[in-house]
Amino acid sequence: MSIKKIKMNVRKNIALIAHDNRKKDLLEWAAFNKELLRNHSLFATGTTGQIISKETGLNIARFQSGPLGGDQQVGAKITEGELDFLIFFWDPLLPQPHDPDVKALLRIAVVWNIPIACNRASADFMISSHLMSEEYERLLIDYESRRKEFLLQYES
């Protein structure tokens, strides 16, 4: 299986998402880490981005609200190589009206091998890693090569 490398720059593109019951937790985390976060480009779904930007002064580019397609916009940016890191404080106890979108976003993040922090502890460990202030090459299965190999089998 062919592997390719995708370069992450020193300045990471980080997406911030939180379900309603987790917005306060993400806001507190972002406020505590705002000086570290200033070194990166931040993106967020609508309401989450608005709250964090207002309370912390961080510059955050915003997508639609999650239930209105924001989760899918984040997923699309991951597949286009425009996001490096996902901090998604999701609520494991309440069903969400857009659960299929949430599952799809988490799946895309895994497929594209980007770091995912789903709670405060994992976000703390990841953002404090020395890799956050360095270039990093993440390894990714070369799906295009794999697809071409698969098609060649059926052309014979």
N, C-alpha and C. Protein backbone atom coordinates (compact mmCIF):
# COMPACT_ATOMS: atom_id res chain seq x y z
N MET A 1 0.84 -1.18 0.00
CA MET A 1 0.00 0.00 0.00
C MET A 1 0.89 1.24 0.00
N SER A 2 0.58 2.15 -0.87
CA SER A 2 1.36 3.37 -1.01
C SER A 2 0.97 4.40 0.05
N ILE A 3 1.99 5.07 0.56
CA ILE A 3 1.77 6.10 1.59
C ILE A 3 2.28 7.43 1.06
N LYS A 4 1.57 8.49 1.37
CA LYS A 4 2.09 9.82 1.03
C LYS A 4 2.16 10.65 2.30
N LYS A 5 2.96 11.70 2.23
CA LYS A 5 3.14 12.58 3.38
C LYS A 5 2.47 13.91 3.11
N ILE A 6 1.80 14.42 4.11
CA ILE A 6 1.17 15.73 4.01
C ILE A 6 1.81 16.62 5.06
N LYS A 7 2.34 17.73 4.60
CA LYS A 7 3.07 18.63 5.48
C LYS A 7 2.12 19.56 6.24
N MET A 8 2.32 19.62 7.53
CA MET A 8 1.66 20.62 8.37
C MET A 8 2.71 21.68 8.68
N ASN A 9 2.36 22.92 8.47
CA ASN A 9 3.28 24.01 8.77
C ASN A 9 3.35 24.26 10.28
N VAL A 10 4.25 25.12 10.68
CA VAL A 10 4.35 25.51 12.09
C VAL A 10 3.03 26.12 12.54
N ARG A 11 2.45 26.96 11.69
CA ARG A 11 1.15 27.56 11.98
C ARG A 11 0.08 26.58 11.49
N LYS A 12 -0.59 25.95 12.42
CA LYS A 12 -1.60 24.95 12.10
C LYS A 12 -2.95 25.62 11.83
N ASN A 13 -3.77 24.97 11.01
CA ASN A 13 -5.15 25.37 10.78
C ASN A 13 -6.03 24.50 11.66
N ILE A 14 -6.61 25.09 12.68
CA ILE A 14 -7.33 24.35 13.72
C ILE A 14 -8.82 24.67 13.65
N ALA A 15 -9.65 23.62 13.60
CA ALA A 15 -11.10 23.78 13.65
C ALA A 15 -11.58 23.55 15.09
N LEU A 16 -12.46 24.41 15.54
CA LEU A 16 -13.04 24.33 16.89
C LEU A 16 -14.55 24.12 16.76
N ILE A 17 -15.04 23.06 17.38
CA ILE A 17 -16.47 22.73 17.34
C ILE A 17 -16.88 22.27 18.73
N ALA A 18 -18.09 22.62 19.13
CA ALA A 18 -18.62 22.12 20.41
C ALA A 18 -20.13 22.03 20.33
N HIS A 19 -20.66 20.92 20.80
CA HIS A 19 -22.11 20.81 20.96
C HIS A 19 -22.56 21.76 22.07
N ASP A 20 -23.84 22.09 22.07
CA ASP A 20 -24.36 23.09 23.01
C ASP A 20 -23.95 22.83 24.45
N ASN A 21 -24.05 21.59 24.92
CA ASN A 21 -23.70 21.28 26.32
C ASN A 21 -22.21 21.31 26.59
N ARG A 22 -21.41 21.48 25.55
CA ARG A 22 -19.95 21.50 25.71
C ARG A 22 -19.33 22.84 25.33
N LYS A 23 -20.14 23.80 24.91
CA LYS A 23 -19.61 25.10 24.48
C LYS A 23 -18.89 25.82 25.62
N LYS A 24 -19.45 25.78 26.80
CA LYS A 24 -18.81 26.44 27.95
C LYS A 24 -17.44 25.82 28.22
N ASP A 25 -17.35 24.51 28.15
CA ASP A 25 -16.09 23.81 28.37
C ASP A 25 -15.04 24.21 27.32
N LEU A 26 -15.45 24.27 26.05
CA LEU A 26 -14.52 24.67 25.00
C LEU A 26 -14.12 26.13 25.15
N LEU A 27 -15.07 26.97 25.52
CA LEU A 27 -14.76 28.39 25.74
C LEU A 27 -13.73 28.54 26.86
N GLU A 28 -13.91 27.85 27.97
CA GLU A 28 -12.94 27.92 29.07
C GLU A 28 -11.58 27.42 28.62
N TRP A 29 -11.57 26.33 27.85
CA TRP A 29 -10.30 25.77 27.35
C TRP A 29 -9.61 26.77 26.42
N ALA A 30 -10.38 27.36 25.50
CA ALA A 30 -9.80 28.33 24.56
C ALA A 30 -9.28 29.56 25.29
N ALA A 31 -10.01 30.04 26.29
CA ALA A 31 -9.56 31.21 27.06
C ALA A 31 -8.26 30.89 27.78
N PHE A 32 -8.17 29.71 28.37
CA PHE A 32 -6.95 29.31 29.08
C PHE A 32 -5.77 29.19 28.13
N ASN A 33 -6.02 28.76 26.90
CA ASN A 33 -4.95 28.51 25.92
C ASN A 33 -4.87 29.57 24.82
N LYS A 34 -5.46 30.75 25.04
CA LYS A 34 -5.56 31.71 23.95
C LYS A 34 -4.21 32.19 23.43
N GLU A 35 -3.20 32.27 24.28
CA GLU A 35 -1.89 32.71 23.78
C GLU A 35 -1.28 31.66 22.86
N LEU A 36 -1.46 30.39 23.16
CA LEU A 36 -1.00 29.33 22.25
C LEU A 36 -1.82 29.34 20.97
N LEU A 37 -3.13 29.52 21.10
CA LEU A 37 -4.01 29.50 19.94
C LEU A 37 -3.75 30.66 18.99
N ARG A 38 -3.27 31.79 19.50
CA ARG A 38 -2.97 32.95 18.65
C ARG A 38 -1.90 32.62 17.61
N ASN A 39 -1.10 31.61 17.86
CA ASN A 39 -0.02 31.23 16.93
C ASN A 39 -0.52 30.40 15.76
N HIS A 40 -1.82 30.14 15.72
CA HIS A 40 -2.40 29.28 14.69
C HIS A 40 -3.59 29.97 14.04
N SER A 41 -4.01 29.44 12.90
CA SER A 41 -5.21 29.95 12.23
C SER A 41 -6.40 29.14 12.73
N LEU A 42 -7.42 29.86 13.19
CA LEU A 42 -8.56 29.21 13.83
C LEU A 42 -9.81 29.31 12.96
N PHE A 43 -10.56 28.23 12.98
CA PHE A 43 -11.82 28.12 12.26
C PHE A 43 -12.82 27.49 13.23
N ALA A 44 -14.09 27.78 13.04
CA ALA A 44 -15.09 27.19 13.93
C ALA A 44 -16.44 27.17 13.25
N THR A 45 -17.31 26.32 13.76
CA THR A 45 -18.70 26.38 13.33
C THR A 45 -19.31 27.63 13.93
N GLY A 46 -20.42 28.08 13.37
CA GLY A 46 -21.01 29.37 13.63
C GLY A 46 -21.10 29.88 15.05
N THR A 47 -21.95 29.28 15.84
CA THR A 47 -22.18 29.77 17.20
C THR A 47 -20.94 29.62 18.06
N THR A 48 -20.28 28.48 17.96
CA THR A 48 -19.07 28.24 18.74
C THR A 48 -18.02 29.31 18.43
N GLY A 49 -17.80 29.56 17.17
CA GLY A 49 -16.82 30.57 16.77
C GLY A 49 -17.17 31.96 17.25
N GLN A 50 -18.45 32.30 17.18
CA GLN A 50 -18.89 33.62 17.62
C GLN A 50 -18.65 33.80 19.12
N ILE A 51 -19.00 32.80 19.91
CA ILE A 51 -18.84 32.88 21.36
C ILE A 51 -17.36 32.97 21.74
N ILE A 52 -16.54 32.10 21.17
CA ILE A 52 -15.12 32.09 21.52
C ILE A 52 -14.44 33.38 21.09
N SER A 53 -14.74 33.85 19.90
CA SER A 53 -14.14 35.09 19.41
C SER A 53 -14.52 36.27 20.31
N LYS A 54 -15.79 36.36 20.65
CA LYS A 54 -16.27 37.47 21.48
C LYS A 54 -15.62 37.46 22.87
N GLU A 55 -15.51 36.28 23.47
CA GLU A 55 -15.02 36.17 24.84
C GLU A 55 -13.50 36.21 24.95
N THR A 56 -12.78 35.80 23.90
CA THR A 56 -11.32 35.71 23.99
C THR A 56 -10.59 36.74 23.13
N GLY A 57 -11.28 37.31 22.17
CA GLY A 57 -10.62 38.23 21.24
C GLY A 57 -9.84 37.52 20.14
N LEU A 58 -9.92 36.20 20.09
CA LEU A 58 -9.22 35.45 19.05
C LEU A 58 -9.89 35.66 17.70
N ASN A 59 -9.08 35.72 16.66
CA ASN A 59 -9.60 35.85 15.30
C ASN A 59 -9.98 34.46 14.80
N ILE A 60 -11.27 34.27 14.50
CA ILE A 60 -11.76 32.95 14.10
C ILE A 60 -12.62 33.08 12.85
N ALA A 61 -12.24 32.36 11.80
CA ALA A 61 -13.07 32.28 10.60
C ALA A 61 -14.21 31.30 10.90
N ARG A 62 -15.43 31.68 10.49
CA ARG A 62 -16.57 30.85 10.88
C ARG A 62 -17.27 30.21 9.69
N PHE A 63 -17.68 28.97 9.92
CA PHE A 63 -18.52 28.24 8.98
C PHE A 63 -19.97 28.38 9.46
N GLN A 64 -20.87 27.68 8.82
CA GLN A 64 -22.26 27.62 9.28
C GLN A 64 -22.32 26.92 10.64
N SER A 65 -23.42 27.07 11.32
CA SER A 65 -23.67 26.31 12.53
C SER A 65 -23.67 24.83 12.16
N GLY A 66 -23.26 23.97 13.10
CA GLY A 66 -23.18 22.52 12.82
C GLY A 66 -24.43 21.93 12.20
N PRO A 67 -25.60 22.10 12.81
CA PRO A 67 -26.82 21.51 12.25
C PRO A 67 -27.22 22.09 10.89
N LEU A 68 -26.66 23.25 10.55
CA LEU A 68 -26.98 23.87 9.26
C LEU A 68 -25.94 23.56 8.19
N GLY A 69 -25.04 22.64 8.48
CA GLY A 69 -24.05 22.22 7.50
C GLY A 69 -22.61 22.55 7.86
N GLY A 70 -22.39 23.18 9.01
CA GLY A 70 -21.03 23.55 9.40
C GLY A 70 -20.11 22.36 9.58
N ASP A 71 -20.63 21.27 10.15
CA ASP A 71 -19.80 20.06 10.32
C ASP A 71 -19.35 19.54 8.95
N GLN A 72 -20.25 19.58 7.98
CA GLN A 72 -19.90 19.12 6.64
C GLN A 72 -18.91 20.06 5.97
N GLN A 73 -19.02 21.36 6.24
CA GLN A 73 -18.04 22.31 5.69
C GLN A 73 -16.65 22.02 6.26
N VAL A 74 -16.59 21.73 7.55
CA VAL A 74 -15.30 21.40 8.17
C VAL A 74 -14.74 20.13 7.54
N GLY A 75 -15.58 19.12 7.37
CA GLY A 75 -15.15 17.88 6.73
C GLY A 75 -14.61 18.11 5.33
N ALA A 76 -15.28 18.97 4.58
CA ALA A 76 -14.82 19.27 3.22
C ALA A 76 -13.45 19.93 3.26
N LYS A 77 -13.24 20.85 4.20
CA LYS A 77 -11.94 21.53 4.31
C LYS A 77 -10.84 20.54 4.70
N ILE A 78 -11.18 19.54 5.50
CA ILE A 78 -10.20 18.50 5.85
C ILE A 78 -9.80 17.74 4.58
N THR A 79 -10.78 17.33 3.78
CA THR A 79 -10.45 16.56 2.56
C THR A 79 -9.69 17.39 1.54
N GLU A 80 -9.86 18.70 1.57
CA GLU A 80 -9.14 19.58 0.66
C GLU A 80 -7.75 19.94 1.19
N GLY A 81 -7.40 19.43 2.38
CA GLY A 81 -6.08 19.69 2.95
C GLY A 81 -5.96 21.06 3.59
N GLU A 82 -7.07 21.71 3.89
CA GLU A 82 -7.04 23.06 4.42
C GLU A 82 -7.17 23.13 5.94
N LEU A 83 -7.43 22.02 6.59
CA LEU A 83 -7.46 21.97 8.05
C LEU A 83 -6.52 20.87 8.53
N ASP A 84 -5.77 21.18 9.59
CA ASP A 84 -4.76 20.26 10.11
C ASP A 84 -5.16 19.57 11.40
N PHE A 85 -6.14 20.09 12.09
CA PHE A 85 -6.35 19.71 13.48
C PHE A 85 -7.81 19.96 13.82
N LEU A 86 -8.43 19.05 14.53
CA LEU A 86 -9.83 19.20 14.91
C LEU A 86 -9.97 19.10 16.42
N ILE A 87 -10.52 20.15 17.01
CA ILE A 87 -10.88 20.11 18.42
C ILE A 87 -12.40 20.15 18.46
N PHE A 88 -12.98 19.02 18.81
CA PHE A 88 -14.43 18.84 18.73
C PHE A 88 -14.93 18.30 20.07
N PHE A 89 -15.41 19.18 20.90
CA PHE A 89 -15.99 18.77 22.18
C PHE A 89 -17.44 18.38 21.93
N TRP A 90 -17.66 17.10 21.66
CA TRP A 90 -19.01 16.62 21.37
C TRP A 90 -19.64 16.04 22.62
N ASP A 91 -20.93 16.03 22.63
CA ASP A 91 -21.70 15.55 23.78
C ASP A 91 -22.04 14.08 23.58
N PRO A 92 -21.40 13.18 24.34
CA PRO A 92 -21.65 11.75 24.15
C PRO A 92 -22.96 11.28 24.78
N LEU A 93 -23.63 12.13 25.54
CA LEU A 93 -24.82 11.70 26.27
C LEU A 93 -26.14 12.10 25.64
N LEU A 94 -26.13 13.09 24.77
CA LEU A 94 -27.37 13.54 24.15
C LEU A 94 -27.34 13.29 22.65
N PRO A 95 -28.43 12.72 22.12
CA PRO A 95 -28.49 12.58 20.66
C PRO A 95 -28.61 13.96 20.02
N GLN A 96 -27.97 14.13 18.90
CA GLN A 96 -27.99 15.39 18.18
C GLN A 96 -28.82 15.21 16.91
N PRO A 97 -29.54 16.26 16.49
CA PRO A 97 -30.33 16.12 15.26
C PRO A 97 -29.46 15.88 14.03
N HIS A 98 -28.18 16.22 14.13
CA HIS A 98 -27.27 16.05 12.99
C HIS A 98 -26.21 14.99 13.29
N ASP A 99 -26.59 13.95 14.06
CA ASP A 99 -25.64 12.87 14.39
C ASP A 99 -24.96 12.25 13.17
N PRO A 100 -25.67 12.03 12.05
CA PRO A 100 -24.96 11.48 10.88
C PRO A 100 -23.84 12.39 10.39
N ASP A 101 -24.05 13.71 10.48
CA ASP A 101 -23.00 14.65 10.07
C ASP A 101 -21.80 14.57 11.00
N VAL A 102 -22.08 14.42 12.30
CA VAL A 102 -21.02 14.32 13.30
C VAL A 102 -20.19 13.07 13.05
N LYS A 103 -20.87 11.95 12.84
CA LYS A 103 -20.17 10.70 12.57
C LYS A 103 -19.34 10.81 11.29
N ALA A 104 -19.90 11.44 10.27
CA ALA A 104 -19.17 11.61 9.01
C ALA A 104 -17.93 12.48 9.21
N LEU A 105 -18.05 13.54 10.00
CA LEU A 105 -16.91 14.42 10.25
C LEU A 105 -15.80 13.66 10.98
N LEU A 106 -16.15 12.91 12.01
CA LEU A 106 -15.13 12.15 12.75
C LEU A 106 -14.48 11.10 11.85
N ARG A 107 -15.27 10.48 10.98
CA ARG A 107 -14.73 9.49 10.05
C ARG A 107 -13.74 10.15 9.08
N ILE A 108 -14.10 11.30 8.53
CA ILE A 108 -13.22 12.01 7.59
C ILE A 108 -11.91 12.40 8.28
N ALA A 109 -12.00 12.85 9.52
CA ALA A 109 -10.79 13.24 10.26
C ALA A 109 -9.86 12.04 10.43
N VAL A 110 -10.43 10.87 10.68
CA VAL A 110 -9.60 9.66 10.82
C VAL A 110 -9.03 9.24 9.47
N VAL A 111 -9.85 9.25 8.42
CA VAL A 111 -9.38 8.88 7.09
C VAL A 111 -8.20 9.75 6.65
N TRP A 112 -8.28 11.05 6.94
CA TRP A 112 -7.23 11.99 6.54
C TRP A 112 -6.15 12.15 7.60
N ASN A 113 -6.22 11.35 8.63
CA ASN A 113 -5.19 11.26 9.67
C ASN A 113 -4.84 12.62 10.28
N ILE A 114 -5.87 13.37 10.66
CA ILE A 114 -5.59 14.61 11.38
C ILE A 114 -5.84 14.39 12.87
N PRO A 115 -5.11 15.08 13.72
CA PRO A 115 -5.32 14.96 15.16
C PRO A 115 -6.73 15.43 15.53
N ILE A 116 -7.36 14.68 16.42
CA ILE A 116 -8.70 15.00 16.90
C ILE A 116 -8.68 15.01 18.42
N ALA A 117 -9.10 16.10 19.01
CA ALA A 117 -9.25 16.17 20.46
C ALA A 117 -10.75 16.27 20.74
N CYS A 118 -11.28 15.32 21.47
CA CYS A 118 -12.72 15.28 21.73
C CYS A 118 -13.09 15.71 23.15
N ASN A 119 -12.09 16.00 23.95
CA ASN A 119 -12.37 16.47 25.31
C ASN A 119 -11.20 17.33 25.78
N ARG A 120 -11.39 17.91 26.94
CA ARG A 120 -10.40 18.87 27.46
C ARG A 120 -9.03 18.23 27.68
N ALA A 121 -9.01 17.03 28.22
CA ALA A 121 -7.72 16.37 28.50
C ALA A 121 -6.94 16.11 27.21
N SER A 122 -7.62 15.57 26.20
CA SER A 122 -6.89 15.30 24.95
C SER A 122 -6.47 16.61 24.28
N ALA A 123 -7.31 17.64 24.35
CA ALA A 123 -6.94 18.94 23.79
C ALA A 123 -5.73 19.53 24.52
N ASP A 124 -5.69 19.40 25.84
CA ASP A 124 -4.54 19.89 26.62
C ASP A 124 -3.25 19.19 26.21
N PHE A 125 -3.31 17.86 26.11
CA PHE A 125 -2.11 17.11 25.75
C PHE A 125 -1.65 17.47 24.34
N MET A 126 -2.59 17.59 23.42
CA MET A 126 -2.20 17.86 22.04
C MET A 126 -1.64 19.27 21.86
N ILE A 127 -2.31 20.25 22.44
CA ILE A 127 -1.84 21.63 22.20
C ILE A 127 -0.53 21.91 22.92
N SER A 128 -0.23 21.16 23.95
CA SER A 128 1.02 21.38 24.66
C SER A 128 2.17 20.54 24.09
N SER A 129 1.89 19.74 23.09
CA SER A 129 2.93 18.93 22.45
C SER A 129 3.92 19.83 21.71
N HIS A 130 5.19 19.45 21.72
CA HIS A 130 6.20 20.20 20.96
C HIS A 130 5.88 20.20 19.47
N LEU A 131 5.10 19.23 19.00
CA LEU A 131 4.75 19.17 17.58
C LEU A 131 3.86 20.33 17.13
N MET A 132 3.20 20.98 18.08
CA MET A 132 2.35 22.11 17.72
C MET A 132 3.16 23.31 17.24
N SER A 133 4.42 23.38 17.62
CA SER A 133 5.24 24.53 17.21
C SER A 133 6.31 24.14 16.20
N GLU A 134 6.11 22.99 15.56
CA GLU A 134 7.07 22.51 14.56
C GLU A 134 6.32 22.12 13.29
N GLU A 135 7.06 22.02 12.18
CA GLU A 135 6.48 21.40 11.00
C GLU A 135 6.29 19.92 11.32
N TYR A 136 5.32 19.32 10.67
CA TYR A 136 5.03 17.91 10.93
C TYR A 136 4.54 17.29 9.62
N GLU A 137 4.97 16.09 9.34
CA GLU A 137 4.48 15.37 8.17
C GLU A 137 3.61 14.22 8.65
N ARG A 138 2.33 14.32 8.33
CA ARG A 138 1.46 13.20 8.70
C ARG A 138 1.39 12.23 7.54
N LEU A 139 1.34 10.98 7.87
CA LEU A 139 1.30 9.93 6.86
C LEU A 139 -0.14 9.62 6.50
N LEU A 140 -0.36 9.40 5.23
CA LEU A 140 -1.70 9.14 4.75
C LEU A 140 -1.65 8.06 3.68
N ILE A 141 -2.57 7.14 3.76
CA ILE A 141 -2.68 6.15 2.70
C ILE A 141 -2.95 6.91 1.41
N ASP A 142 -2.23 6.56 0.36
CA ASP A 142 -2.42 7.22 -0.93
C ASP A 142 -3.63 6.56 -1.60
N TYR A 143 -4.80 7.09 -1.29
CA TYR A 143 -6.03 6.50 -1.78
C TYR A 143 -6.15 6.56 -3.30
N GLU A 144 -5.57 7.58 -3.92
CA GLU A 144 -5.63 7.69 -5.37
C GLU A 144 -4.85 6.54 -6.02
N SER A 145 -3.67 6.24 -5.52
CA SER A 145 -2.89 5.11 -6.04
C SER A 145 -3.63 3.80 -5.79
N ARG A 146 -4.22 3.69 -4.62
CA ARG A 146 -4.96 2.48 -4.27
C ARG A 146 -6.15 2.29 -5.21
N ARG A 147 -6.84 3.39 -5.52
CA ARG A 147 -7.98 3.33 -6.42
C ARG A 147 -7.54 2.91 -7.82
N LYS A 148 -6.43 3.46 -8.29
CA LYS A 148 -5.92 3.12 -9.62
C LYS A 148 -5.53 1.64 -9.68
N GLU A 149 -4.88 1.13 -8.62
CA GLU A 149 -4.51 -0.29 -8.57
C GLU A 149 -5.76 -1.16 -8.63
N PHE A 150 -6.78 -0.77 -7.91
CA PHE A 150 -8.04 -1.52 -7.87
C PHE A 150 -8.66 -1.55 -9.26
N LEU A 151 -8.69 -0.40 -9.95
CA LEU A 151 -9.28 -0.33 -11.28
C LEU A 151 -8.50 -1.18 -12.29
N LEU A 152 -7.17 -1.21 -12.16
CA LEU A 152 -6.35 -2.03 -13.07
C LEU A 152 -6.70 -3.50 -12.97
N GLN A 153 -7.06 -3.95 -11.79
CA GLN A 153 -7.43 -5.37 -11.62
C GLN A 153 -8.67 -5.71 -12.45
N TYR A 154 -9.56 -4.76 -12.61
CA TYR A 154 -10.81 -5.03 -13.31
C TYR A 154 -10.74 -4.72 -14.80
N GLU A 155 -9.66 -4.07 -15.24
CA GLU A 155 -9.49 -3.81 -16.66
C GLU A 155 -8.88 -5.02 -17.37
N SER A 156 -8.28 -5.92 -16.64
CA SER A 156 -7.62 -7.08 -17.26
C SER A 156 -8.62 -8.12 -17.71
